[in-house]
Structure formats: structure tokens, C-alpha cells
Amino acid sequence: MAEKREFNNNRNDGRPNRRPRKKVCAFCAEKAAFIDYKDIARLKSGKCLTERYKILPRRITGCCAFHQRALTTAVKRARHLALIPYASD
């Protein structure tokens, strides 16, 4: 007869097997044509820069490659014009 197998949804260490949800690019969702370096509020938001004004990587921000490159360029331009600091003290 067919045995009824119990599905084990846990790893060997007891944690459940879950895949993290794929992050959606915030700029694609807003249909942003470009990222403006003068829009400091958007750049300073918790998703793009750390509290020490480092640029967060793509795996954390969830941005697509196109918008992550544009974000990096915008942050560097804003730093050059002293709109945001290079590092916090």
C-alpha cells in the first residue's frame, strides 16, 4: 500500500525553509525617469544611505542595476556639491 509521508518543512536545525521575498525596485515602482541629485530627501531616506551616509548595496536597497547605478551617481554628485556629507562625524 502507499505510505503516507509526512512533509518536513524544517531544516535539520529546526528553522523553517523560507525563501525571502524578492525586493521590488522603488524607482521602477514609481516609474521615475531619473534620480535627481538635488532631491536630498529621497537620497537620505533609510533605503539608500546608512546613518553614516554610505551608499547601501543593491541587495539591500532592492534597486535594479540601472537605478542603482543612477543612485550612486546622484549621491556622488550631491556629495561633490556638499548637499550631503561624505561621512558623518
PDB file of N, CA and C in Angstrom:
ATOM      1  N   MET A   1       0.821  -1.163   0.000  1.00  0.00           N
ATOM      2  CA  MET A   1       0.000   0.000   0.000  1.00  0.00           C
ATOM      3  C   MET A   1       0.882   1.250   0.000  1.00  0.00           C
ATOM      4  N   ALA A   2       0.302   2.332  -0.391  1.00  0.00           N
ATOM      5  CA  ALA A   2       1.039   3.574  -0.431  1.00  0.00           C
ATOM      6  C   ALA A   2       1.164   4.142   0.984  1.00  0.00           C
ATOM      7  N   GLU A   3       2.391   4.465   1.296  1.00  0.00           N
ATOM      8  CA  GLU A   3       2.620   5.049   2.614  1.00  0.00           C
ATOM      9  C   GLU A   3       2.333   6.543   2.570  1.00  0.00           C
ATOM     10  N   LYS A   4       1.845   7.014   3.654  1.00  0.00           N
ATOM     11  CA  LYS A   4       1.587   8.443   3.752  1.00  0.00           C
ATOM     12  C   LYS A   4       2.819   9.095   4.371  1.00  0.00           C
ATOM     13  N   ARG A   5       3.514   9.912   3.544  1.00  0.00           N
ATOM     14  CA  ARG A   5       4.727  10.560   4.033  1.00  0.00           C
ATOM     15  C   ARG A   5       4.386  11.913   4.628  1.00  0.00           C
ATOM     16  N   GLU A   6       5.058  12.204   5.690  1.00  0.00           N
ATOM     17  CA  GLU A   6       4.861  13.489   6.331  1.00  0.00           C
ATOM     18  C   GLU A   6       5.878  14.474   5.757  1.00  0.00           C
ATOM     19  N   PHE A   7       5.405  15.617   5.324  1.00  0.00           N
ATOM     20  CA  PHE A   7       6.282  16.623   4.726  1.00  0.00           C
ATOM     21  C   PHE A   7       6.985  17.380   5.825  1.00  0.00           C
ATOM     22  N   ASN A   8       8.307  17.357   5.769  1.00  0.00           N
ATOM     23  CA  ASN A   8       9.097  18.063   6.763  1.00  0.00           C
ATOM     24  C   ASN A   8       9.437  19.444   6.223  1.00  0.00           C
ATOM     25  N   ASN A   9       8.907  20.458   6.847  1.00  0.00           N
ATOM     26  CA  ASN A   9       9.104  21.827   6.393  1.00  0.00           C
ATOM     27  C   ASN A   9      10.224  22.515   7.169  1.00  0.00           C
ATOM     28  N   ASN A  10      11.062  21.764   7.837  1.00  0.00           N
ATOM     29  CA  ASN A  10      12.129  22.344   8.631  1.00  0.00           C
ATOM     30  C   ASN A  10      13.476  21.835   8.166  1.00  0.00           C
ATOM     31  N   ARG A  11      14.489  22.655   8.398  1.00  0.00           N
ATOM     32  CA  ARG A  11      15.859  22.221   8.164  1.00  0.00           C
ATOM     33  C   ARG A  11      16.257  21.287   9.288  1.00  0.00           C
ATOM     34  N   ASN A  12      17.489  20.856   9.230  1.00  0.00           N
ATOM     35  CA  ASN A  12      17.974  19.986  10.298  1.00  0.00           C
ATOM     36  C   ASN A  12      18.122  20.737  11.615  1.00  0.00           C
ATOM     37  N   ASP A  13      18.304  22.063  11.542  1.00  0.00           N
ATOM     38  CA  ASP A  13      18.481  22.826  12.764  1.00  0.00           C
ATOM     39  C   ASP A  13      17.160  23.368  13.323  1.00  0.00           C
ATOM     40  N   GLY A  14      16.036  23.028  12.693  1.00  0.00           N
ATOM     41  CA  GLY A  14      14.743  23.417  13.219  1.00  0.00           C
ATOM     42  C   GLY A  14      14.168  24.688  12.646  1.00  0.00           C
ATOM     43  N   ARG A  15      14.958  25.425  11.847  1.00  0.00           N
ATOM     44  CA  ARG A  15      14.421  26.642  11.240  1.00  0.00           C
ATOM     45  C   ARG A  15      13.609  26.278  10.005  1.00  0.00           C
ATOM     46  N   PRO A  16      12.523  26.966   9.748  1.00  0.00           N
ATOM     47  CA  PRO A  16      11.714  26.642   8.575  1.00  0.00           C
ATOM     48  C   PRO A  16      12.406  27.047   7.279  1.00  0.00           C
ATOM     49  N   ASN A  17      12.090  26.325   6.206  1.00  0.00           N
ATOM     50  CA  ASN A  17      12.626  26.647   4.883  1.00  0.00           C
ATOM     51  C   ASN A  17      11.765  27.731   4.269  1.00  0.00           C
ATOM     52  N   ARG A  18      12.301  28.913   4.173  1.00  0.00           N
ATOM     53  CA  ARG A  18      11.570  30.021   3.572  1.00  0.00           C
ATOM     54  C   ARG A  18      12.498  30.774   2.652  1.00  0.00           C
ATOM     55  N   ARG A  19      11.984  31.130   1.503  1.00  0.00           N
ATOM     56  CA  ARG A  19      12.734  31.991   0.609  1.00  0.00           C
ATOM     57  C   ARG A  19      12.330  33.421   0.895  1.00  0.00           C
ATOM     58  N   PRO A  20      13.321  34.314   0.934  1.00  0.00           N
ATOM     59  CA  PRO A  20      12.940  35.708   1.137  1.00  0.00           C
ATOM     60  C   PRO A  20      12.215  36.246  -0.086  1.00  0.00           C
ATOM     61  N   ARG A  21      11.290  37.137   0.162  1.00  0.00           N
ATOM     62  CA  ARG A  21      10.533  37.736  -0.933  1.00  0.00           C
ATOM     63  C   ARG A  21      11.443  38.640  -1.748  1.00  0.00           C
ATOM     64  N   LYS A  22      11.313  38.558  -3.062  1.00  0.00           N
ATOM     65  CA  LYS A  22      12.147  39.375  -3.936  1.00  0.00           C
ATOM     66  C   LYS A  22      11.772  40.843  -3.768  1.00  0.00           C
ATOM     67  N   LYS A  23      12.795  41.683  -3.601  1.00  0.00           N
ATOM     68  CA  LYS A  23      12.546  43.100  -3.396  1.00  0.00           C
ATOM     69  C   LYS A  23      12.232  43.762  -4.730  1.00  0.00           C
ATOM     70  N   VAL A  24      11.389  44.743  -4.681  1.00  0.00           N
ATOM     71  CA  VAL A  24      10.985  45.469  -5.879  1.00  0.00           C
ATOM     72  C   VAL A  24      11.702  46.808  -5.871  1.00  0.00           C
ATOM     73  N   CYS A  25      12.203  47.202  -7.028  1.00  0.00           N
ATOM     74  CA  CYS A  25      12.899  48.471  -7.154  1.00  0.00           C
ATOM     75  C   CYS A  25      11.903  49.606  -6.889  1.00  0.00           C
ATOM     76  N   ALA A  26      12.229  50.454  -5.926  1.00  0.00           N
ATOM     77  CA  ALA A  26      11.337  51.555  -5.559  1.00  0.00           C
ATOM     78  C   ALA A  26      11.224  52.575  -6.690  1.00  0.00           C
ATOM     79  N   PHE A  27      12.293  52.753  -7.437  1.00  0.00           N
ATOM     80  CA  PHE A  27      12.270  53.734  -8.510  1.00  0.00           C
ATOM     81  C   PHE A  27      11.491  53.212  -9.714  1.00  0.00           C
ATOM     82  N   CYS A  28      11.561  51.914  -9.972  1.00  0.00           N
ATOM     83  CA  CYS A  28      10.754  51.325 -11.049  1.00  0.00           C
ATOM     84  C   CYS A  28       9.274  51.372 -10.687  1.00  0.00           C
ATOM     85  N   ALA A  29       8.975  51.151  -9.405  1.00  0.00           N
ATOM     86  CA  ALA A  29       7.583  51.170  -8.963  1.00  0.00           C
ATOM     87  C   ALA A  29       6.983  52.572  -9.107  1.00  0.00           C
ATOM     88  N   GLU A  30       7.798  53.597  -8.879  1.00  0.00           N
ATOM     89  CA  GLU A  30       7.324  54.981  -9.026  1.00  0.00           C
ATOM     90  C   GLU A  30       7.405  55.467 -10.463  1.00  0.00           C
ATOM     91  N   LYS A  31       7.977  54.645 -11.336  1.00  0.00           N
ATOM     92  CA  LYS A  31       8.198  54.998 -12.743  1.00  0.00           C
ATOM     93  C   LYS A  31       9.010  56.287 -12.855  1.00  0.00           C
ATOM     94  N   ALA A  32      10.084  56.345 -12.063  1.00  0.00           N
ATOM     95  CA  ALA A  32      10.952  57.519 -12.061  1.00  0.00           C
ATOM     96  C   ALA A  32      11.800  57.526 -13.331  1.00  0.00           C
ATOM     97  N   ALA A  33      11.793  58.650 -14.030  1.00  0.00           N
ATOM     98  CA  ALA A  33      12.582  58.769 -15.256  1.00  0.00           C
ATOM     99  C   ALA A  33      14.068  58.837 -14.916  1.00  0.00           C
ATOM    100  N   PHE A  34      14.420  59.619 -13.888  1.00  0.00           N
ATOM    101  CA  PHE A  34      15.801  59.700 -13.446  1.00  0.00           C
ATOM    102  C   PHE A  34      15.810  60.047 -11.964  1.00  0.00           C
ATOM    103  N   ILE A  35      16.965  59.861 -11.343  1.00  0.00           N
ATOM    104  CA  ILE A  35      17.116  60.163  -9.928  1.00  0.00           C
ATOM    105  C   ILE A  35      17.839  61.501  -9.830  1.00  0.00           C
ATOM    106  N   ASP A  36      17.191  62.460  -9.212  1.00  0.00           N
ATOM    107  CA  ASP A  36      17.729  63.806  -9.142  1.00  0.00           C
ATOM    108  C   ASP A  36      18.655  63.935  -7.936  1.00  0.00           C
ATOM    109  N   TYR A  37      19.868  64.426  -8.162  1.00  0.00           N
ATOM    110  CA  TYR A  37      20.822  64.591  -7.071  1.00  0.00           C
ATOM    111  C   TYR A  37      20.418  65.721  -6.139  1.00  0.00           C
ATOM    112  N   LYS A  38      19.531  66.623  -6.576  1.00  0.00           N
ATOM    113  CA  LYS A  38      19.088  67.736  -5.746  1.00  0.00           C
ATOM    114  C   LYS A  38      17.967  67.330  -4.792  1.00  0.00           C
ATOM    115  N   ASP A  39      17.384  66.160  -5.012  1.00  0.00           N
ATOM    116  CA  ASP A  39      16.307  65.674  -4.146  1.00  0.00           C
ATOM    117  C   ASP A  39      16.927  64.953  -2.952  1.00  0.00           C
ATOM    118  N   ILE A  40      17.357  65.730  -1.981  1.00  0.00           N
ATOM    119  CA  ILE A  40      18.102  65.196  -0.847  1.00  0.00           C
ATOM    120  C   ILE A  40      17.227  64.307   0.031  1.00  0.00           C
ATOM    121  N   ALA A  41      15.965  64.627   0.141  1.00  0.00           N
ATOM    122  CA  ALA A  41      15.065  63.840   0.993  1.00  0.00           C
ATOM    123  C   ALA A  41      14.987  62.393   0.504  1.00  0.00           C
ATOM    124  N   ARG A  42      14.941  62.208  -0.800  1.00  0.00           N
ATOM    125  CA  ARG A  42      14.875  60.856  -1.349  1.00  0.00           C
ATOM    126  C   ARG A  42      16.199  60.118  -1.163  1.00  0.00           C
ATOM    127  N   LEU A  43      17.303  60.842  -1.331  1.00  0.00           N
ATOM    128  CA  LEU A  43      18.611  60.210  -1.180  1.00  0.00           C
ATOM    129  C   LEU A  43      18.905  59.864   0.275  1.00  0.00           C
ATOM    130  N   LYS A  44      18.481  60.731   1.185  1.00  0.00           N
ATOM    131  CA  LYS A  44      18.756  60.499   2.603  1.00  0.00           C
ATOM    132  C   LYS A  44      17.822  59.477   3.236  1.00  0.00           C
ATOM    133  N   SER A  45      16.781  59.101   2.526  1.00  0.00           N
ATOM    134  CA  SER A  45      15.830  58.158   3.116  1.00  0.00           C
ATOM    135  C   SER A  45      16.552  56.877   3.527  1.00  0.00           C
ATOM    136  N   GLY A  46      15.993  56.173   4.470  1.00  0.00           N
ATOM    137  CA  GLY A  46      16.623  54.992   5.042  1.00  0.00           C
ATOM    138  C   GLY A  46      16.937  53.880   4.067  1.00  0.00           C
ATOM    139  N   LYS A  47      16.390  53.950   2.871  1.00  0.00           N
ATOM    140  CA  LYS A  47      16.611  52.871   1.914  1.00  0.00           C
ATOM    141  C   LYS A  47      17.881  53.027   1.095  1.00  0.00           C
ATOM    142  N   CYS A  48      18.404  54.240   0.964  1.00  0.00           N
ATOM    143  CA  CYS A  48      19.518  54.475   0.044  1.00  0.00           C
ATOM    144  C   CYS A  48      20.859  54.653   0.737  1.00  0.00           C
ATOM    145  N   LEU A  49      20.854  55.340   1.861  1.00  0.00           N
ATOM    146  CA  LEU A  49      22.096  55.630   2.573  1.00  0.00           C
ATOM    147  C   LEU A  49      21.979  55.171   4.018  1.00  0.00           C
ATOM    148  N   THR A  50      23.126  54.831   4.612  1.00  0.00           N
ATOM    149  CA  THR A  50      23.138  54.487   6.024  1.00  0.00           C
ATOM    150  C   THR A  50      23.163  55.770   6.852  1.00  0.00           C
ATOM    151  N   GLU A  51      23.150  55.644   8.167  1.00  0.00           N
ATOM    152  CA  GLU A  51      23.215  56.829   9.017  1.00  0.00           C
ATOM    153  C   GLU A  51      24.588  57.495   8.931  1.00  0.00           C
ATOM    154  N   ARG A  52      25.584  56.771   8.418  1.00  0.00           N
ATOM    155  CA  ARG A  52      26.920  57.339   8.218  1.00  0.00           C
ATOM    156  C   ARG A  52      27.120  57.774   6.769  1.00  0.00           C
ATOM    157  N   TYR A  53      26.027  57.838   6.019  1.00  0.00           N
ATOM    158  CA  TYR A  53      25.989  58.311   4.630  1.00  0.00           C
ATOM    159  C   TYR A  53      26.780  57.436   3.665  1.00  0.00           C
ATOM    160  N   LYS A  54      26.838  56.148   3.941  1.00  0.00           N
ATOM    161  CA  LYS A  54      27.400  55.211   2.977  1.00  0.00           C
ATOM    162  C   LYS A  54      26.282  54.751   2.051  1.00  0.00           C
ATOM    163  N   ILE A  55      26.626  54.479   0.813  1.00  0.00           N
ATOM    164  CA  ILE A  55      25.628  54.003  -0.151  1.00  0.00           C
ATOM    165  C   ILE A  55      25.373  52.527   0.123  1.00  0.00           C
ATOM    166  N   LEU A  56      24.106  52.176   0.285  1.00  0.00           N
ATOM    167  CA  LEU A  56      23.756  50.787   0.540  1.00  0.00           C
ATOM    168  C   LEU A  56      23.845  49.970  -0.749  1.00  0.00           C
ATOM    169  N   PRO A  57      24.246  48.713  -0.648  1.00  0.00           N
ATOM    170  CA  PRO A  57      24.352  47.890  -1.854  1.00  0.00           C
ATOM    171  C   PRO A  57      22.985  47.507  -2.414  1.00  0.00           C
ATOM    172  N   ARG A  58      23.018  47.010  -3.607  1.00  0.00           N
ATOM    173  CA  ARG A  58      21.805  46.689  -4.347  1.00  0.00           C
ATOM    174  C   ARG A  58      20.988  45.592  -3.683  1.00  0.00           C
ATOM    175  N   ARG A  59      21.656  44.641  -3.076  1.00  0.00           N
ATOM    176  CA  ARG A  59      20.943  43.525  -2.433  1.00  0.00           C
ATOM    177  C   ARG A  59      20.134  43.998  -1.234  1.00  0.00           C
ATOM    178  N   ILE A  60      20.509  45.134  -0.656  1.00  0.00           N
ATOM    179  CA  ILE A  60      19.778  45.667   0.492  1.00  0.00           C
ATOM    180  C   ILE A  60      18.718  46.670   0.045  1.00  0.00           C
ATOM    181  N   THR A  61      19.064  47.555  -0.901  1.00  0.00           N
ATOM    182  CA  THR A  61      18.098  48.555  -1.349  1.00  0.00           C
ATOM    183  C   THR A  61      16.990  47.928  -2.185  1.00  0.00           C
ATOM    184  N   GLY A  62      17.317  46.855  -2.901  1.00  0.00           N
ATOM    185  CA  GLY A  62      16.321  46.223  -3.757  1.00  0.00           C
ATOM    186  C   GLY A  62      16.182  46.902  -5.104  1.00  0.00           C
ATOM    187  N   CYS A  63      17.057  47.845  -5.413  1.00  0.00           N
ATOM    188  CA  CYS A  63      17.000  48.547  -6.695  1.00  0.00           C
ATOM    189  C   CYS A  63      17.482  47.638  -7.821  1.00  0.00           C
ATOM    190  N   CYS A  64      16.990  47.919  -9.011  1.00  0.00           N
ATOM    191  CA  CYS A  64      17.514  47.228 -10.178  1.00  0.00           C
ATOM    192  C   CYS A  64      18.886  47.816 -10.498  1.00  0.00           C
ATOM    193  N   ALA A  65      19.635  47.159 -11.365  1.00  0.00           N
ATOM    194  CA  ALA A  65      21.000  47.586 -11.666  1.00  0.00           C
ATOM    195  C   ALA A  65      21.023  48.984 -12.275  1.00  0.00           C
ATOM    196  N   PHE A  66      20.084  49.269 -13.154  1.00  0.00           N
ATOM    197  CA  PHE A  66      20.017  50.574 -13.812  1.00  0.00           C
ATOM    198  C   PHE A  66      19.846  51.696 -12.790  1.00  0.00           C
ATOM    199  N   HIS A  67      18.889  51.516 -11.884  1.00  0.00           N
ATOM    200  CA  HIS A  67      18.611  52.564 -10.904  1.00  0.00           C
ATOM    201  C   HIS A  67      19.671  52.615  -9.804  1.00  0.00           C
ATOM    202  N   GLN A  68      20.329  51.497  -9.504  1.00  0.00           N
ATOM    203  CA  GLN A  68      21.395  51.524  -8.504  1.00  0.00           C
ATOM    204  C   GLN A  68      22.581  52.336  -9.025  1.00  0.00           C
ATOM    205  N   ARG A  69      22.889  52.184 -10.308  1.00  0.00           N
ATOM    206  CA  ARG A  69      23.963  52.992 -10.899  1.00  0.00           C
ATOM    207  C   ARG A  69      23.590  54.475 -10.899  1.00  0.00           C
ATOM    208  N   ALA A  70      22.344  54.780 -11.233  1.00  0.00           N
ATOM    209  CA  ALA A  70      21.887  56.174 -11.226  1.00  0.00           C
ATOM    210  C   ALA A  70      21.885  56.733  -9.806  1.00  0.00           C
ATOM    211  N   LEU A  71      21.517  55.923  -8.837  1.00  0.00           N
ATOM    212  CA  LEU A  71      21.517  56.336  -7.439  1.00  0.00           C
ATOM    213  C   LEU A  71      22.930  56.658  -6.977  1.00  0.00           C
ATOM    214  N   THR A  72      23.885  55.814  -7.338  1.00  0.00           N
ATOM    215  CA  THR A  72      25.279  56.040  -6.961  1.00  0.00           C
ATOM    216  C   THR A  72      25.800  57.336  -7.559  1.00  0.00           C
ATOM    217  N   THR A  73      25.486  57.568  -8.822  1.00  0.00           N
ATOM    218  CA  THR A  73      25.916  58.800  -9.480  1.00  0.00           C
ATOM    219  C   THR A  73      25.291  60.021  -8.814  1.00  0.00           C
ATOM    220  N   ALA A  74      24.015  59.944  -8.482  1.00  0.00           N
ATOM    221  CA  ALA A  74      23.327  61.069  -7.844  1.00  0.00           C
ATOM    222  C   ALA A  74      23.910  61.359  -6.465  1.00  0.00           C
ATOM    223  N   VAL A  75      24.221  60.327  -5.695  1.00  0.00           N
ATOM    224  CA  VAL A  75      24.796  60.527  -4.360  1.00  0.00           C
ATOM    225  C   VAL A  75      26.177  61.159  -4.480  1.00  0.00           C
ATOM    226  N   LYS A  76      26.974  60.696  -5.435  1.00  0.00           N
ATOM    227  CA  LYS A  76      28.317  61.249  -5.605  1.00  0.00           C
ATOM    228  C   LYS A  76      28.261  62.711  -6.063  1.00  0.00           C
ATOM    229  N   ARG A  77      27.310  63.053  -6.898  1.00  0.00           N
ATOM    230  CA  ARG A  77      27.145  64.449  -7.320  1.00  0.00           C
ATOM    231  C   ARG A  77      26.711  65.315  -6.147  1.00  0.00           C
ATOM    232  N   ALA A  78      25.790  64.811  -5.340  1.00  0.00           N
ATOM    233  CA  ALA A  78      25.324  65.568  -4.174  1.00  0.00           C
ATOM    234  C   ALA A  78      26.449  65.751  -3.162  1.00  0.00           C
ATOM    235  N   ARG A  79      27.313  64.759  -3.009  1.00  0.00           N
ATOM    236  CA  ARG A  79      28.462  64.900  -2.125  1.00  0.00           C
ATOM    237  C   ARG A  79      29.426  65.961  -2.651  1.00  0.00           C
ATOM    238  N   HIS A  80      29.660  65.936  -3.944  1.00  0.00           N
ATOM    239  CA  HIS A  80      30.593  66.888  -4.546  1.00  0.00           C
ATOM    240  C   HIS A  80      30.120  68.330  -4.362  1.00  0.00           C
ATOM    241  N   LEU A  81      28.820  68.541  -4.425  1.00  0.00           N
ATOM    242  CA  LEU A  81      28.258  69.879  -4.233  1.00  0.00           C
ATOM    243  C   LEU A  81      27.957  70.185  -2.769  1.00  0.00           C
ATOM    244  N   ALA A  82      28.365  69.316  -1.869  1.00  0.00           N
ATOM    245  CA  ALA A  82      28.196  69.474  -0.420  1.00  0.00           C
ATOM    246  C   ALA A  82      26.730  69.532  -0.010  1.00  0.00           C
ATOM    247  N   LEU A  83      25.867  68.852  -0.746  1.00  0.00           N
ATOM    248  CA  LEU A  83      24.466  68.759  -0.328  1.00  0.00           C
ATOM    249  C   LEU A  83      24.303  67.692   0.746  1.00  0.00           C
ATOM    250  N   ILE A  84      25.112  66.658   0.665  1.00  0.00           N
ATOM    251  CA  ILE A  84      25.189  65.643   1.732  1.00  0.00           C
ATOM    252  C   ILE A  84      26.665  65.433   2.054  1.00  0.00           C
ATOM    253  N   PRO A  85      26.982  65.043   3.287  1.00  0.00           N
ATOM    254  CA  PRO A  85      28.395  64.886   3.646  1.00  0.00           C
ATOM    255  C   PRO A  85      28.986  63.585   3.112  1.00  0.00           C
ATOM    256  N   TYR A  86      30.304  63.569   3.013  1.00  0.00           N
ATOM    257  CA  TYR A  86      30.993  62.343   2.628  1.00  0.00           C
ATOM    258  C   TYR A  86      30.919  61.313   3.752  1.00  0.00           C
ATOM    259  N   ALA A  87      31.056  61.763   4.980  1.00  0.00           N
ATOM    260  CA  ALA A  87      30.968  60.885   6.138  1.00  0.00           C
ATOM    261  C   ALA A  87      30.445  61.706   7.310  1.00  0.00           C
ATOM    262  N   SER A  88      29.752  61.036   8.224  1.00  0.00           N
ATOM    263  CA  SER A  88      29.267  61.726   9.415  1.00  0.00           C
ATOM    264  C   SER A  88      30.306  61.628  10.521  1.00  0.00           C
ATOM    265  N   ASP A  89      30.336  62.604  11.370  1.00  0.00           N
ATOM    266  CA  ASP A  89      31.316  62.614  12.467  1.00  0.00           C
ATOM    267  C   ASP A  89      30.726  62.072  13.725  1.00  0.00           C
TER     268      ASP A  89
END
